[in-house]
Amino acid sequence: MRLTVLGSAASYADAGRACSGYLIRSGETAVLFDCGNGVLSNLGKVMDPLALDAVFISHEHIDHFADVYALQAALRYAPDGPRPPMPLYLPTGLFERMGAVLSDRGRAELAEAFQVRELEDNATVAVGVLSVTPHEVDHVEPTFALMATDDVAVLCYTADTSQGEAVEAAAHGVDVLIADATLPPEYRGRAAHMTATEAAELAVRADVRTLVLSHLWPSVDRAAAAREAREIFHGRVIVADELFDMTFPEEA
């Protein structure tokens, strides 16, 4: 399985970054976990966005879906003609809310671009060689962590979440955990997000192999976040960076 980080910033992107977006590939299958502002541009640096097999949106905050609007334009005005609707998995009711900012024509065009499918807690979706299972976690209702496996490797993206049994169950035993590490230490507990230390505590409890700290506020010191996490979790710690790419499990 291959992970490429397309956006690692929380809420708004600082210079050179994008908001939430993670490309997951295995064999010929490619899916996108979240599609925040700036993600589509970075996706175009590594593959044709029109070759995606599906897009998954974890929850209703705009920094996780803003570039869906851009993707619909790419699909409807592809160089060789309009493409068939792309599968778009998202929480119940979100697609209708996304259309609320558009004109009647805009809503119709958005609907032409996507085959909308609603996420259900613990209901596994098969996309090519990947199986993706959403797990509801503690943020806005509903927010889904997304677990992907190709029967060789397992990845979990926590989406936005606070600590708790829900995200721990979603992350248990995975090879790679992409964890919400939004908050600077002084804001621990002030919002439904985690600090780097809390993300590391989750990695320990969930017994994961590799921790990827992501969804960081622009004001967070990323080097300090890595140090804080490594004091707690003694597996591999990576701070997400745009276009960071890894394949796992690593060959012996």
C-alpha atoms as a PDB file:
ATOM      1  CA  MET A   1       0.000   0.000   0.000  1.00  0.00           C
ATOM      2  CA  ARG A   2       1.181   3.521  -0.777  1.00  0.00           C
ATOM      3  CA  LEU A   3       0.349   6.756   1.033  1.00  0.00           C
ATOM      4  CA  THR A   4       0.929  10.218  -0.418  1.00  0.00           C
ATOM      5  CA  VAL A   5       0.132  13.257   1.724  1.00  0.00           C
ATOM      6  CA  LEU A   6      -1.539  15.950  -0.374  1.00  0.00           C
ATOM      7  CA  GLY A   7      -2.534  18.311   2.441  1.00  0.00           C
ATOM      8  CA  SER A   8      -1.474  18.398   6.085  1.00  0.00           C
ATOM      9  CA  ALA A   9      -2.783  21.717   7.432  1.00  0.00           C
ATOM     10  CA  ALA A  10      -5.702  22.291   9.778  1.00  0.00           C
ATOM     11  CA  SER A  11      -8.535  24.683   8.893  1.00  0.00           C
ATOM     12  CA  TYR A  12      -6.405  27.007   6.753  1.00  0.00           C
ATOM     13  CA  ALA A  13      -3.169  26.313   4.946  1.00  0.00           C
ATOM     14  CA  ASP A  14       0.015  28.226   5.601  1.00  0.00           C
ATOM     15  CA  ALA A  15       2.383  29.062   2.742  1.00  0.00           C
ATOM     16  CA  GLY A  16       3.096  26.111   0.464  1.00  0.00           C
ATOM     17  CA  ARG A  17       0.641  23.771   2.155  1.00  0.00           C
ATOM     18  CA  ALA A  18      -2.886  22.493   1.612  1.00  0.00           C
ATOM     19  CA  CYS A  19      -5.681  21.314   3.873  1.00  0.00           C
ATOM     20  CA  SER A  20      -6.616  17.686   4.463  1.00  0.00           C
ATOM     21  CA  GLY A  21      -6.024  15.188   1.677  1.00  0.00           C
ATOM     22  CA  TYR A  22      -4.431  11.740   1.537  1.00  0.00           C
ATOM     23  CA  LEU A  23      -3.971   9.562  -1.541  1.00  0.00           C
ATOM     24  CA  ILE A  24      -4.103   5.823  -0.864  1.00  0.00           C
ATOM     25  CA  ARG A  25      -2.974   3.456  -3.618  1.00  0.00           C
ATOM     26  CA  SER A  26      -2.565  -0.281  -4.026  1.00  0.00           C
ATOM     27  CA  GLY A  27      -2.002  -1.929  -7.375  1.00  0.00           C
ATOM     28  CA  GLU A  28      -4.154  -0.073  -9.895  1.00  0.00           C
ATOM     29  CA  THR A  29      -6.565   1.251  -7.249  1.00  0.00           C
ATOM     30  CA  ALA A  30      -6.406   4.873  -6.065  1.00  0.00           C
ATOM     31  CA  VAL A  31      -8.709   6.532  -3.529  1.00  0.00           C
ATOM     32  CA  LEU A  32      -8.643   9.937  -1.914  1.00  0.00           C
ATOM     33  CA  PHE A  33      -9.342  10.451   1.787  1.00  0.00           C
ATOM     34  CA  ASP A  34     -10.632  14.036   2.103  1.00  0.00           C
ATOM     35  CA  CYS A  35     -10.319  16.768  -0.500  1.00  0.00           C
ATOM     36  CA  GLY A  36      -9.549  20.037   1.251  1.00  0.00           C
ATOM     37  CA  ASN A  37      -8.498  23.324  -0.285  1.00  0.00           C
ATOM     38  CA  GLY A  38      -5.290  22.939  -2.310  1.00  0.00           C
ATOM     39  CA  VAL A  39      -5.469  19.152  -2.533  1.00  0.00           C
ATOM     40  CA  LEU A  40      -6.407  18.886  -6.207  1.00  0.00           C
ATOM     41  CA  SER A  41      -3.347  20.863  -7.288  1.00  0.00           C
ATOM     42  CA  ASN A  42      -1.039  18.576  -5.316  1.00  0.00           C
ATOM     43  CA  LEU A  43      -2.855  15.488  -6.572  1.00  0.00           C
ATOM     44  CA  GLY A  44      -2.126  16.583 -10.132  1.00  0.00           C
ATOM     45  CA  LYS A  45       1.598  16.468  -9.344  1.00  0.00           C
ATOM     46  CA  VAL A  46       1.501  12.708  -8.673  1.00  0.00           C
ATOM     47  CA  MET A  47      -1.343  11.340 -10.821  1.00  0.00           C
ATOM     48  CA  ASP A  48      -4.218  12.318 -13.086  1.00  0.00           C
ATOM     49  CA  PRO A  49      -7.066  13.305 -10.719  1.00  0.00           C
ATOM     50  CA  LEU A  50      -9.513  11.854 -13.237  1.00  0.00           C
ATOM     51  CA  ALA A  51      -7.995   8.413 -12.621  1.00  0.00           C
ATOM     52  CA  LEU A  52      -9.200   8.279  -9.023  1.00  0.00           C
ATOM     53  CA  ASP A  53     -11.471   5.340  -8.279  1.00  0.00           C
ATOM     54  CA  ALA A  54     -13.315   7.058  -5.414  1.00  0.00           C
ATOM     55  CA  VAL A  55     -13.239   9.976  -2.991  1.00  0.00           C
ATOM     56  CA  PHE A  56     -14.098   9.678   0.715  1.00  0.00           C
ATOM     57  CA  ILE A  57     -15.027  12.716   2.808  1.00  0.00           C
ATOM     58  CA  SER A  58     -14.730  12.236   6.563  1.00  0.00           C
ATOM     59  CA  HIS A  59     -17.018  15.040   7.795  1.00  0.00           C
ATOM     60  CA  GLU A  60     -18.716  18.334   7.057  1.00  0.00           C
ATOM     61  CA  HIS A  61     -15.955  20.868   7.760  1.00  0.00           C
ATOM     62  CA  ILE A  62     -15.002  22.708   4.598  1.00  0.00           C
ATOM     63  CA  ASP A  63     -11.237  22.229   4.978  1.00  0.00           C
ATOM     64  CA  HIS A  64     -11.965  18.560   4.285  1.00  0.00           C
ATOM     65  CA  PHE A  65     -14.066  18.944   1.127  1.00  0.00           C
ATOM     66  CA  ALA A  66     -13.490  22.358  -0.490  1.00  0.00           C
ATOM     67  CA  ASP A  67     -11.756  20.954  -3.580  1.00  0.00           C
ATOM     68  CA  VAL A  68     -14.681  18.660  -4.384  1.00  0.00           C
ATOM     69  CA  TYR A  69     -16.080  21.676  -6.234  1.00  0.00           C
ATOM     70  CA  ALA A  70     -12.909  21.896  -8.320  1.00  0.00           C
ATOM     71  CA  LEU A  71     -12.915  18.149  -8.942  1.00  0.00           C
ATOM     72  CA  GLN A  72     -16.450  18.294 -10.354  1.00  0.00           C
ATOM     73  CA  ALA A  73     -15.288  20.846 -12.919  1.00  0.00           C
ATOM     74  CA  ALA A  74     -12.370  18.616 -13.905  1.00  0.00           C
ATOM     75  CA  LEU A  75     -14.713  15.650 -14.343  1.00  0.00           C
ATOM     76  CA  ARG A  76     -17.356  17.482 -16.322  1.00  0.00           C
ATOM     77  CA  TYR A  77     -14.892  19.265 -18.625  1.00  0.00           C
ATOM     78  CA  ALA A  78     -12.253  16.567 -19.092  1.00  0.00           C
ATOM     79  CA  PRO A  79     -10.162  16.938 -22.284  1.00  0.00           C
ATOM     80  CA  ASP A  80     -11.796  13.923 -23.921  1.00  0.00           C
ATOM     81  CA  GLY A  81     -15.329  14.789 -22.852  1.00  0.00           C
ATOM     82  CA  PRO A  82     -17.372  14.491 -19.648  1.00  0.00           C
ATOM     83  CA  ARG A  83     -16.375  11.568 -17.472  1.00  0.00           C
ATOM     84  CA  PRO A  84     -18.783   9.121 -15.847  1.00  0.00           C
ATOM     85  CA  PRO A  85     -19.770  10.097 -12.307  1.00  0.00           C
ATOM     86  CA  MET A  86     -17.024   9.395  -9.761  1.00  0.00           C
ATOM     87  CA  PRO A  87     -18.020   7.555  -6.554  1.00  0.00           C
ATOM     88  CA  LEU A  88     -18.127  10.039  -3.671  1.00  0.00           C
ATOM     89  CA  TYR A  89     -18.584   8.643  -0.164  1.00  0.00           C
ATOM     90  CA  LEU A  90     -19.579  11.083   2.542  1.00  0.00           C
ATOM     91  CA  PRO A  91     -21.758  11.488   5.641  1.00  0.00           C
ATOM     92  CA  THR A  92     -25.522  11.579   5.295  1.00  0.00           C
ATOM     93  CA  GLY A  93     -26.831  14.969   4.229  1.00  0.00           C
ATOM     94  CA  LEU A  94     -23.452  16.544   3.462  1.00  0.00           C
ATOM     95  CA  PHE A  95     -23.865  16.484  -0.321  1.00  0.00           C
ATOM     96  CA  GLU A  96     -27.092  18.440  -0.041  1.00  0.00           C
ATOM     97  CA  ARG A  97     -25.400  21.008   2.211  1.00  0.00           C
ATOM     98  CA  MET A  98     -22.520  21.294  -0.261  1.00  0.00           C
ATOM     99  CA  GLY A  99     -25.052  22.186  -2.943  1.00  0.00           C
ATOM    100  CA  ALA A 100     -26.740  24.824  -0.793  1.00  0.00           C
ATOM    101  CA  VAL A 101     -24.123  27.442  -1.753  1.00  0.00           C
ATOM    102  CA  LEU A 102     -24.694  26.836  -5.480  1.00  0.00           C
ATOM    103  CA  SER A 103     -27.335  27.925  -7.966  1.00  0.00           C
ATOM    104  CA  ASP A 104     -29.868  25.428  -9.274  1.00  0.00           C
ATOM    105  CA  ARG A 105     -27.614  24.856 -12.275  1.00  0.00           C
ATOM    106  CA  GLY A 106     -24.565  24.477 -10.045  1.00  0.00           C
ATOM    107  CA  ARG A 107     -26.299  21.848  -7.910  1.00  0.00           C
ATOM    108  CA  ALA A 108     -27.285  19.937 -11.044  1.00  0.00           C
ATOM    109  CA  GLU A 109     -23.726  20.049 -12.340  1.00  0.00           C
ATOM    110  CA  LEU A 110     -22.351  18.840  -9.001  1.00  0.00           C
ATOM    111  CA  ALA A 111     -24.803  15.949  -9.081  1.00  0.00           C
ATOM    112  CA  GLU A 112     -23.744  15.046 -12.635  1.00  0.00           C
ATOM    113  CA  ALA A 113     -20.113  14.715 -11.582  1.00  0.00           C
ATOM    114  CA  PHE A 114     -20.511  12.290  -8.678  1.00  0.00           C
ATOM    115  CA  GLN A 115     -22.153   9.043  -7.765  1.00  0.00           C
ATOM    116  CA  VAL A 116     -23.070   9.881  -4.184  1.00  0.00           C
ATOM    117  CA  ARG A 117     -22.938   7.160  -1.559  1.00  0.00           C
ATOM    118  CA  GLU A 118     -23.454   7.692   2.157  1.00  0.00           C
ATOM    119  CA  LEU A 119     -21.011   6.393   4.746  1.00  0.00           C
ATOM    120  CA  GLU A 120     -22.299   4.112   7.482  1.00  0.00           C
ATOM    121  CA  ASP A 121     -20.478   3.259  10.677  1.00  0.00           C
ATOM    122  CA  ASN A 122     -18.573  -0.050  10.308  1.00  0.00           C
ATOM    123  CA  ALA A 123     -20.008  -0.681   6.827  1.00  0.00           C
ATOM    124  CA  THR A 124     -17.052  -1.736   4.649  1.00  0.00           C
ATOM    125  CA  VAL A 125     -16.822  -0.437   1.087  1.00  0.00           C
ATOM    126  CA  ALA A 126     -14.868  -2.309  -1.619  1.00  0.00           C
ATOM    127  CA  VAL A 127     -13.010  -0.138  -4.145  1.00  0.00           C
ATOM    128  CA  GLY A 128     -10.813  -2.204  -6.426  1.00  0.00           C
ATOM    129  CA  VAL A 129      -8.313  -4.097  -4.263  1.00  0.00           C
ATOM    130  CA  LEU A 130      -8.962  -1.814  -1.280  1.00  0.00           C
ATOM    131  CA  SER A 131     -11.509  -2.295   1.472  1.00  0.00           C
ATOM    132  CA  VAL A 132     -12.416   0.908   3.317  1.00  0.00           C
ATOM    133  CA  THR A 133     -14.259   0.846   6.635  1.00  0.00           C
ATOM    134  CA  PRO A 134     -15.603   4.040   8.243  1.00  0.00           C
ATOM    135  CA  HIS A 135     -15.631   4.261  12.029  1.00  0.00           C
ATOM    136  CA  GLU A 136     -17.503   7.080  13.731  1.00  0.00           C
ATOM    137  CA  VAL A 137     -15.263   9.142  16.034  1.00  0.00           C
ATOM    138  CA  ASP A 138     -15.626  12.062  18.437  1.00  0.00           C
ATOM    139  CA  HIS A 139     -15.748  15.368  16.569  1.00  0.00           C
ATOM    140  CA  VAL A 140     -18.805  16.872  14.849  1.00  0.00           C
ATOM    141  CA  GLU A 141     -21.632  14.424  14.235  1.00  0.00           C
ATOM    142  CA  PRO A 142     -20.967  12.392  12.263  1.00  0.00           C
ATOM    143  CA  THR A 143     -17.230  12.227  11.641  1.00  0.00           C
ATOM    144  CA  PHE A 144     -15.656   9.036  10.332  1.00  0.00           C
ATOM    145  CA  ALA A 145     -12.152   7.708  10.738  1.00  0.00           C
ATOM    146  CA  LEU A 146     -11.311   5.726   7.605  1.00  0.00           C
ATOM    147  CA  MET A 147      -9.501   2.384   7.734  1.00  0.00           C
ATOM    148  CA  ALA A 148      -8.114   0.935   4.492  1.00  0.00           C
ATOM    149  CA  THR A 149      -6.631  -2.477   3.789  1.00  0.00           C
ATOM    150  CA  ASP A 150      -5.491  -4.384   0.721  1.00  0.00           C
ATOM    151  CA  ASP A 151      -5.147  -7.606   2.740  1.00  0.00           C
ATOM    152  CA  VAL A 152      -1.391  -6.970   3.026  1.00  0.00           C
ATOM    153  CA  ALA A 153      -1.200  -3.651   4.872  1.00  0.00           C
ATOM    154  CA  VAL A 154      -3.620  -1.626   6.977  1.00  0.00           C
ATOM    155  CA  LEU A 155      -3.889   2.154   7.323  1.00  0.00           C
ATOM    156  CA  CYS A 156      -6.125   4.278   9.517  1.00  0.00           C
ATOM    157  CA  TYR A 157      -6.824   7.977   9.038  1.00  0.00           C
ATOM    158  CA  THR A 158      -8.373   9.328  12.230  1.00  0.00           C
ATOM    159  CA  ALA A 159      -9.918  12.368  10.528  1.00  0.00           C
ATOM    160  CA  ASP A 160     -10.577  15.102  13.102  1.00  0.00           C
ATOM    161  CA  THR A 161     -11.140  13.654  16.549  1.00  0.00           C
ATOM    162  CA  SER A 162     -10.509  13.939  20.233  1.00  0.00           C
ATOM    163  CA  GLN A 163      -9.081  11.046  22.201  1.00  0.00           C
ATOM    164  CA  GLY A 164     -11.412   8.218  23.132  1.00  0.00           C
ATOM    165  CA  GLU A 165     -12.410   4.612  22.741  1.00  0.00           C
ATOM    166  CA  ALA A 166     -13.941   5.195  19.303  1.00  0.00           C
ATOM    167  CA  VAL A 167     -10.746   6.294  17.562  1.00  0.00           C
ATOM    168  CA  GLU A 168      -8.682   3.764  19.512  1.00  0.00           C
ATOM    169  CA  ALA A 169     -10.881   0.948  18.182  1.00  0.00           C
ATOM    170  CA  ALA A 170     -10.584   2.285  14.636  1.00  0.00           C
ATOM    171  CA  ALA A 171      -6.780   2.481  14.850  1.00  0.00           C
ATOM    172  CA  HIS A 172      -6.068  -0.761  16.680  1.00  0.00           C
ATOM    173  CA  GLY A 173      -3.123  -2.714  15.277  1.00  0.00           C
ATOM    174  CA  VAL A 174      -2.730  -0.813  11.990  1.00  0.00           C
ATOM    175  CA  ASP A 175       0.549  -0.456  10.146  1.00  0.00           C
ATOM    176  CA  VAL A 176       0.201   3.293   9.583  1.00  0.00           C
ATOM    177  CA  LEU A 177      -1.865   5.734  11.628  1.00  0.00           C
ATOM    178  CA  ILE A 178      -2.496   9.210  10.189  1.00  0.00           C
ATOM    179  CA  ALA A 179      -3.493  11.063  13.338  1.00  0.00           C
ATOM    180  CA  ASP A 180      -5.079  14.402  14.091  1.00  0.00           C
ATOM    181  CA  ALA A 181      -2.360  16.444  15.844  1.00  0.00           C
ATOM    182  CA  THR A 182      -4.012  19.825  15.440  1.00  0.00           C
ATOM    183  CA  LEU A 183      -3.479  21.534  18.747  1.00  0.00           C
ATOM    184  CA  PRO A 184      -0.428  23.141  20.317  1.00  0.00           C
ATOM    185  CA  PRO A 185       0.184  21.767  23.838  1.00  0.00           C
ATOM    186  CA  GLU A 186      -1.325  24.800  25.585  1.00  0.00           C
ATOM    187  CA  TYR A 187      -4.667  24.138  23.859  1.00  0.00           C
ATOM    188  CA  ARG A 188      -4.983  20.502  24.929  1.00  0.00           C
ATOM    189  CA  GLY A 189      -8.628  19.759  25.677  1.00  0.00           C
ATOM    190  CA  ARG A 190      -9.909  23.069  24.295  1.00  0.00           C
ATOM    191  CA  ALA A 191     -11.376  21.583  21.106  1.00  0.00           C
ATOM    192  CA  ALA A 192     -12.375  18.207  19.676  1.00  0.00           C
ATOM    193  CA  HIS A 193      -8.880  17.583  18.331  1.00  0.00           C
ATOM    194  CA  MET A 194      -5.630  16.078  19.622  1.00  0.00           C
ATOM    195  CA  THR A 195      -2.180  17.417  20.382  1.00  0.00           C
ATOM    196  CA  ALA A 196       0.919  15.615  19.125  1.00  0.00           C
ATOM    197  CA  THR A 197       1.314  14.080  22.588  1.00  0.00           C
ATOM    198  CA  GLU A 198      -2.263  12.805  22.550  1.00  0.00           C
ATOM    199  CA  ALA A 199      -1.765  11.373  19.067  1.00  0.00           C
ATOM    200  CA  ALA A 200       1.301   9.527  20.372  1.00  0.00           C
ATOM    201  CA  GLU A 201      -0.668   8.251  23.363  1.00  0.00           C
ATOM    202  CA  LEU A 202      -3.264   6.929  20.947  1.00  0.00           C
ATOM    203  CA  ALA A 203      -0.554   5.216  18.888  1.00  0.00           C
ATOM    204  CA  VAL A 204       0.726   3.465  22.002  1.00  0.00           C
ATOM    205  CA  ARG A 205      -2.700   2.289  23.135  1.00  0.00           C
ATOM    206  CA  ALA A 206      -3.671   1.176  19.631  1.00  0.00           C
ATOM    207  CA  ASP A 207      -0.373  -0.677  19.129  1.00  0.00           C
ATOM    208  CA  VAL A 208       0.385   0.781  15.701  1.00  0.00           C
ATOM    209  CA  ARG A 209       3.679   0.594  13.835  1.00  0.00           C
ATOM    210  CA  THR A 210       4.033   4.046  12.272  1.00  0.00           C
ATOM    211  CA  LEU A 211       2.508   7.330  13.423  1.00  0.00           C
ATOM    212  CA  VAL A 212       1.990  10.168  10.939  1.00  0.00           C
ATOM    213  CA  LEU A 213       1.172  13.457  12.661  1.00  0.00           C
ATOM    214  CA  SER A 214      -1.104  15.568  10.495  1.00  0.00           C
ATOM    215  CA  HIS A 215      -3.843  18.224  10.434  1.00  0.00           C
ATOM    216  CA  LEU A 216      -1.558  20.690  12.208  1.00  0.00           C
ATOM    217  CA  TRP A 217      -2.378  24.331  12.868  1.00  0.00           C
ATOM    218  CA  PRO A 218      -0.020  26.620  10.942  1.00  0.00           C
ATOM    219  CA  SER A 219       1.222  27.937  14.313  1.00  0.00           C
ATOM    220  CA  VAL A 220       2.286  24.493  15.530  1.00  0.00           C
ATOM    221  CA  ASP A 221       6.052  23.937  15.654  1.00  0.00           C
ATOM    222  CA  ARG A 222       6.315  20.742  13.612  1.00  0.00           C
ATOM    223  CA  ALA A 223       9.788  19.808  14.861  1.00  0.00           C
ATOM    224  CA  ALA A 224       8.629  20.221  18.452  1.00  0.00           C
ATOM    225  CA  ALA A 225       5.519  18.150  17.715  1.00  0.00           C
ATOM    226  CA  ALA A 226       7.736  15.317  16.478  1.00  0.00           C
ATOM    227  CA  ARG A 227       9.887  15.492  19.625  1.00  0.00           C
ATOM    228  CA  GLU A 228       6.822  15.458  21.875  1.00  0.00           C
ATOM    229  CA  ALA A 229       5.388  12.442  20.079  1.00  0.00           C
ATOM    230  CA  ARG A 230       8.679  10.511  20.215  1.00  0.00           C
ATOM    231  CA  GLU A 231       8.841  10.928  23.981  1.00  0.00           C
ATOM    232  CA  ILE A 232       5.649   8.862  24.189  1.00  0.00           C
ATOM    233  CA  PHE A 233       5.616   6.560  21.155  1.00  0.00           C
ATOM    234  CA  HIS A 234       8.750   4.615  20.282  1.00  0.00           C
ATOM    235  CA  GLY A 235       7.722   3.381  16.854  1.00  0.00           C
ATOM    236  CA  ARG A 236       8.325   5.399  13.705  1.00  0.00           C
ATOM    237  CA  VAL A 237       7.069   9.005  13.934  1.00  0.00           C
ATOM    238  CA  ILE A 238       6.610  11.120  10.807  1.00  0.00           C
ATOM    239  CA  VAL A 239       5.334  14.669  10.586  1.00  0.00           C
ATOM    240  CA  ALA A 240       3.181  14.900   7.476  1.00  0.00           C
ATOM    241  CA  ASP A 241       4.459  17.142   4.724  1.00  0.00           C
ATOM    242  CA  GLU A 242       2.901  17.907   1.362  1.00  0.00           C
ATOM    243  CA  LEU A 243       3.862  15.247  -1.210  1.00  0.00           C
ATOM    244  CA  PHE A 244       5.460  13.023   1.438  1.00  0.00           C
ATOM    245  CA  ASP A 245       5.219   9.487   0.036  1.00  0.00           C
ATOM    246  CA  MET A 246       5.675   6.092   1.656  1.00  0.00           C
ATOM    247  CA  THR A 247       5.053   2.471   0.727  1.00  0.00           C
ATOM    248  CA  PHE A 248       4.350  -0.104   3.427  1.00  0.00           C
ATOM    249  CA  PRO A 249       4.988  -2.618   4.740  1.00  0.00           C
ATOM    250  CA  GLU A 250       8.631  -2.091   3.873  1.00  0.00           C
ATOM    251  CA  GLU A 251      10.424  -4.992   2.208  1.00  0.00           C
ATOM    252  CA  ALA A 252      12.841  -6.823   4.482  1.00  0.00           C
END
